[in-house]
């Protein structure tokens, strides 16, 4: 039942409910639309059962559930996750990464020594075995990438064996091979298709 609020009918008061056939219900508890309908402003959808309208571009939300898809555009300025962690299996790229705490490395899976070796994810790798290492695979690495090899046994690292087959040569200080002993480390940086020595620690 509708009762006029004033004689010119500028406003109406709902005493019980108003039902729109195939549309929904307007009652004391609010508006309840049937499945498939939506709320609109000026004939533009702003909300349906599962989705905000595309015209809704601002919000005061302070929390959301788990986000499954989407992207963050360049309009974002900063993200503060407090003591939480940002985890990705992809590549972080962009401007400057500044840390107010420790910058942690990651130990990858150990690799068995061979003339040509391929390294997995990480930047520190234990080397098992005694076969001479001549070259290291370059796939997945970009200029400026730094790795450290730590040997578990005596193994030779050869200097300047020609690159080929996706494996890059190792350029060592003094242009000479290294006889690594157990517990030694060798740090390399990839640059211009070569793994170049940064430092070594021989035991």
Foldseek 3Di string as FASTA:
>chain_A
DWDAPDPVSPDIDDPAWDDDVQFWIAGPVGTDGDAPDADDDPPFGQDHPPDGGPVPDDDPDPDDDDDDDDDDDPVDDDDDPDPDDDDDPDDDDDDDDDDPDDDDWDEFEEWEDDCETETDDTAEHEYDDAEEHFWYACPPHDFFRKHKYAYQAWYKYAADDPDDPRTAGEHEPVRGIDGAGHGKMWMFGDDPRYTYTDDIGHD
